């Protein structure tokens, strides 16, 4: 997306992260950057946005609802991308589903 007015953006992301190992967790955070967006499954790229939130799957693959919010600024006219970074905590493999992302220029 490209800022046209202020270059100040709000991002709200809802998702259902989980871990495939009972008792292991996940961490999720909004990421923003310019240039080419990272491919799915690639290493984390860009700058972290907002707070990193984490949780623990009480049962294998049991998703937990999570909402991430960030406000960031960028130069008007500069193309940028928004992504979600999710990683496993302790062990297992973290994944997420049912993602909805709203990005609006303020």
C-alpha atoms as a PDB file:
ATOM      1  CA  UNK A   1       0.000   0.000   0.000  1.00  0.00           C
ATOM      2  CA  UNK A   2       1.045   3.599  -0.460  1.00  0.00           C
ATOM      3  CA  UNK A   3       0.242   6.480   1.869  1.00  0.00           C
ATOM      4  CA  UNK A   4      -1.550   9.311   0.090  1.00  0.00           C
ATOM      5  CA  UNK A   5      -2.361  11.806   2.881  1.00  0.00           C
ATOM      6  CA  UNK A   6      -0.614  11.493   6.221  1.00  0.00           C
ATOM      7  CA  UNK A   7       1.557   8.385   5.965  1.00  0.00           C
ATOM      8  CA  UNK A   8       0.206   7.317   9.372  1.00  0.00           C
ATOM      9  CA  UNK A   9      -1.413   3.874   9.354  1.00  0.00           C
ATOM     10  CA  UNK A  10      -3.395   1.761  11.789  1.00  0.00           C
ATOM     11  CA  UNK A  11      -3.236  -2.018  11.467  1.00  0.00           C
ATOM     12  CA  UNK A  12      -5.658  -4.355  13.198  1.00  0.00           C
ATOM     13  CA  UNK A  13      -5.082  -8.078  12.716  1.00  0.00           C
ATOM     14  CA  UNK A  14      -7.173 -10.922  14.110  1.00  0.00           C
ATOM     15  CA  UNK A  15      -5.968 -14.496  13.882  1.00  0.00           C
ATOM     16  CA  UNK A  16      -6.217 -17.926  15.496  1.00  0.00           C
ATOM     17  CA  UNK A  17      -2.664 -19.123  16.261  1.00  0.00           C
ATOM     18  CA  UNK A  18      -1.879 -22.558  17.650  1.00  0.00           C
ATOM     19  CA  UNK A  19       0.971 -24.957  18.283  1.00  0.00           C
ATOM     20  CA  UNK A  20       0.947 -28.609  17.208  1.00  0.00           C
ATOM     21  CA  UNK A  21       2.329 -29.694  20.591  1.00  0.00           C
ATOM     22  CA  UNK A  22       0.105 -29.523  23.683  1.00  0.00           C
ATOM     23  CA  UNK A  23       1.521 -27.182  26.313  1.00  0.00           C
ATOM     24  CA  UNK A  24       3.821 -25.392  23.866  1.00  0.00           C
ATOM     25  CA  UNK A  25       3.197 -21.861  22.731  1.00  0.00           C
ATOM     26  CA  UNK A  26       3.399 -19.266  20.024  1.00  0.00           C
ATOM     27  CA  UNK A  27       4.281 -15.605  19.656  1.00  0.00           C
ATOM     28  CA  UNK A  28       2.784 -13.277  17.054  1.00  0.00           C
ATOM     29  CA  UNK A  29       3.590  -9.748  15.943  1.00  0.00           C
ATOM     30  CA  UNK A  30       2.786  -7.362  13.095  1.00  0.00           C
ATOM     31  CA  UNK A  31       5.732  -6.656  10.761  1.00  0.00           C
ATOM     32  CA  UNK A  32       6.016  -3.726   8.335  1.00  0.00           C
ATOM     33  CA  UNK A  33       8.563  -2.890   5.674  1.00  0.00           C
ATOM     34  CA  UNK A  34       9.308  -1.382   2.291  1.00  0.00           C
ATOM     35  CA  UNK A  35      10.566  -3.076  -0.843  1.00  0.00           C
ATOM     36  CA  UNK A  36       9.739  -6.686  -1.654  1.00  0.00           C
ATOM     37  CA  UNK A  37       7.494  -8.429   0.871  1.00  0.00           C
ATOM     38  CA  UNK A  38       8.794 -11.714   2.316  1.00  0.00           C
ATOM     39  CA  UNK A  39       7.494 -15.011   0.941  1.00  0.00           C
ATOM     40  CA  UNK A  40       5.272 -17.222   3.081  1.00  0.00           C
ATOM     41  CA  UNK A  41       7.381 -19.214   5.537  1.00  0.00           C
ATOM     42  CA  UNK A  42      10.449 -17.004   5.033  1.00  0.00           C
ATOM     43  CA  UNK A  43      12.496 -15.632   7.916  1.00  0.00           C
ATOM     44  CA  UNK A  44      11.074 -12.603   9.717  1.00  0.00           C
ATOM     45  CA  UNK A  45      11.620  -9.390   7.766  1.00  0.00           C
ATOM     46  CA  UNK A  46      10.844  -5.724   8.205  1.00  0.00           C
ATOM     47  CA  UNK A  47      10.359  -3.905  11.478  1.00  0.00           C
ATOM     48  CA  UNK A  48       8.270  -5.221  14.365  1.00  0.00           C
ATOM     49  CA  UNK A  49       5.072  -3.303  14.948  1.00  0.00           C
ATOM     50  CA  UNK A  50       3.111  -3.117  18.159  1.00  0.00           C
ATOM     51  CA  UNK A  51       3.522  -5.531  20.990  1.00  0.00           C
ATOM     52  CA  UNK A  52       4.469  -9.177  20.526  1.00  0.00           C
ATOM     53  CA  UNK A  53       1.721 -11.312  22.058  1.00  0.00           C
ATOM     54  CA  UNK A  54       2.080 -14.941  23.050  1.00  0.00           C
ATOM     55  CA  UNK A  55      -0.019 -17.831  24.265  1.00  0.00           C
ATOM     56  CA  UNK A  56       0.071 -21.531  25.005  1.00  0.00           C
ATOM     57  CA  UNK A  57      -1.974 -24.192  23.247  1.00  0.00           C
ATOM     58  CA  UNK A  58      -3.610 -26.297  25.985  1.00  0.00           C
ATOM     59  CA  UNK A  59      -4.117 -29.139  23.491  1.00  0.00           C
ATOM     60  CA  UNK A  60      -2.299 -29.926  20.254  1.00  0.00           C
ATOM     61  CA  UNK A  61      -3.469 -27.662  17.423  1.00  0.00           C
ATOM     62  CA  UNK A  62      -6.015 -25.886  19.627  1.00  0.00           C
ATOM     63  CA  UNK A  63      -6.243 -22.309  18.339  1.00  0.00           C
ATOM     64  CA  UNK A  64      -6.603 -19.299  20.595  1.00  0.00           C
ATOM     65  CA  UNK A  65      -8.111 -15.983  19.419  1.00  0.00           C
ATOM     66  CA  UNK A  66      -5.655 -13.105  19.195  1.00  0.00           C
ATOM     67  CA  UNK A  67      -5.881  -9.463  18.107  1.00  0.00           C
ATOM     68  CA  UNK A  68      -2.821  -7.368  17.230  1.00  0.00           C
ATOM     69  CA  UNK A  69      -2.945  -3.579  16.825  1.00  0.00           C
ATOM     70  CA  UNK A  70      -0.273  -1.147  15.662  1.00  0.00           C
ATOM     71  CA  UNK A  71      -0.010   2.474  14.524  1.00  0.00           C
ATOM     72  CA  UNK A  72       3.039   3.363  12.433  1.00  0.00           C
ATOM     73  CA  UNK A  73       4.217   6.057  10.071  1.00  0.00           C
ATOM     74  CA  UNK A  74       5.810   5.951   6.652  1.00  0.00           C
ATOM     75  CA  UNK A  75       6.741   8.568   4.058  1.00  0.00           C
ATOM     76  CA  UNK A  76       3.818   9.627   1.876  1.00  0.00           C
ATOM     77  CA  UNK A  77       4.227   8.027  -1.556  1.00  0.00           C
ATOM     78  CA  UNK A  78       6.440   5.151  -0.359  1.00  0.00           C
ATOM     79  CA  UNK A  79       5.113   1.636  -1.002  1.00  0.00           C
ATOM     80  CA  UNK A  80       5.071  -0.600   2.060  1.00  0.00           C
ATOM     81  CA  UNK A  81       3.888  -4.042   3.079  1.00  0.00           C
ATOM     82  CA  UNK A  82       2.323  -5.482   6.233  1.00  0.00           C
ATOM     83  CA  UNK A  83       2.913  -9.057   7.369  1.00  0.00           C
ATOM     84  CA  UNK A  84       2.385 -11.253  10.430  1.00  0.00           C
ATOM     85  CA  UNK A  85       5.270 -13.013  12.133  1.00  0.00           C
ATOM     86  CA  UNK A  86       4.404 -16.143  14.124  1.00  0.00           C
ATOM     87  CA  UNK A  87       6.921 -18.424  15.794  1.00  0.00           C
ATOM     88  CA  UNK A  88       6.878 -21.352  18.208  1.00  0.00           C
ATOM     89  CA  UNK A  89       7.809 -20.964  21.860  1.00  0.00           C
ATOM     90  CA  UNK A  90       9.388 -23.889  23.732  1.00  0.00           C
ATOM     91  CA  UNK A  91       8.865 -26.435  20.925  1.00  0.00           C
ATOM     92  CA  UNK A  92       6.485 -27.723  18.292  1.00  0.00           C
ATOM     93  CA  UNK A  93       5.403 -25.798  15.220  1.00  0.00           C
ATOM     94  CA  UNK A  94       3.300 -22.641  15.405  1.00  0.00           C
ATOM     95  CA  UNK A  95       0.733 -21.888  12.709  1.00  0.00           C
ATOM     96  CA  UNK A  96      -2.225 -19.554  12.346  1.00  0.00           C
ATOM     97  CA  UNK A  97      -5.578 -19.530  10.576  1.00  0.00           C
ATOM     98  CA  UNK A  98      -8.629 -17.320  10.049  1.00  0.00           C
ATOM     99  CA  UNK A  99      -6.560 -14.192   9.483  1.00  0.00           C
ATOM    100  CA  UNK A 100      -8.213 -10.826   8.911  1.00  0.00           C
ATOM    101  CA  UNK A 101      -6.128  -7.681   8.515  1.00  0.00           C
ATOM    102  CA  UNK A 102      -7.413  -4.125   8.317  1.00  0.00           C
ATOM    103  CA  UNK A 103      -4.986  -1.374   7.305  1.00  0.00           C
ATOM    104  CA  UNK A 104      -6.157   2.217   7.114  1.00  0.00           C
ATOM    105  CA  UNK A 105      -4.404   5.514   6.635  1.00  0.00           C
ATOM    106  CA  UNK A 106      -5.365   7.971   9.365  1.00  0.00           C
END
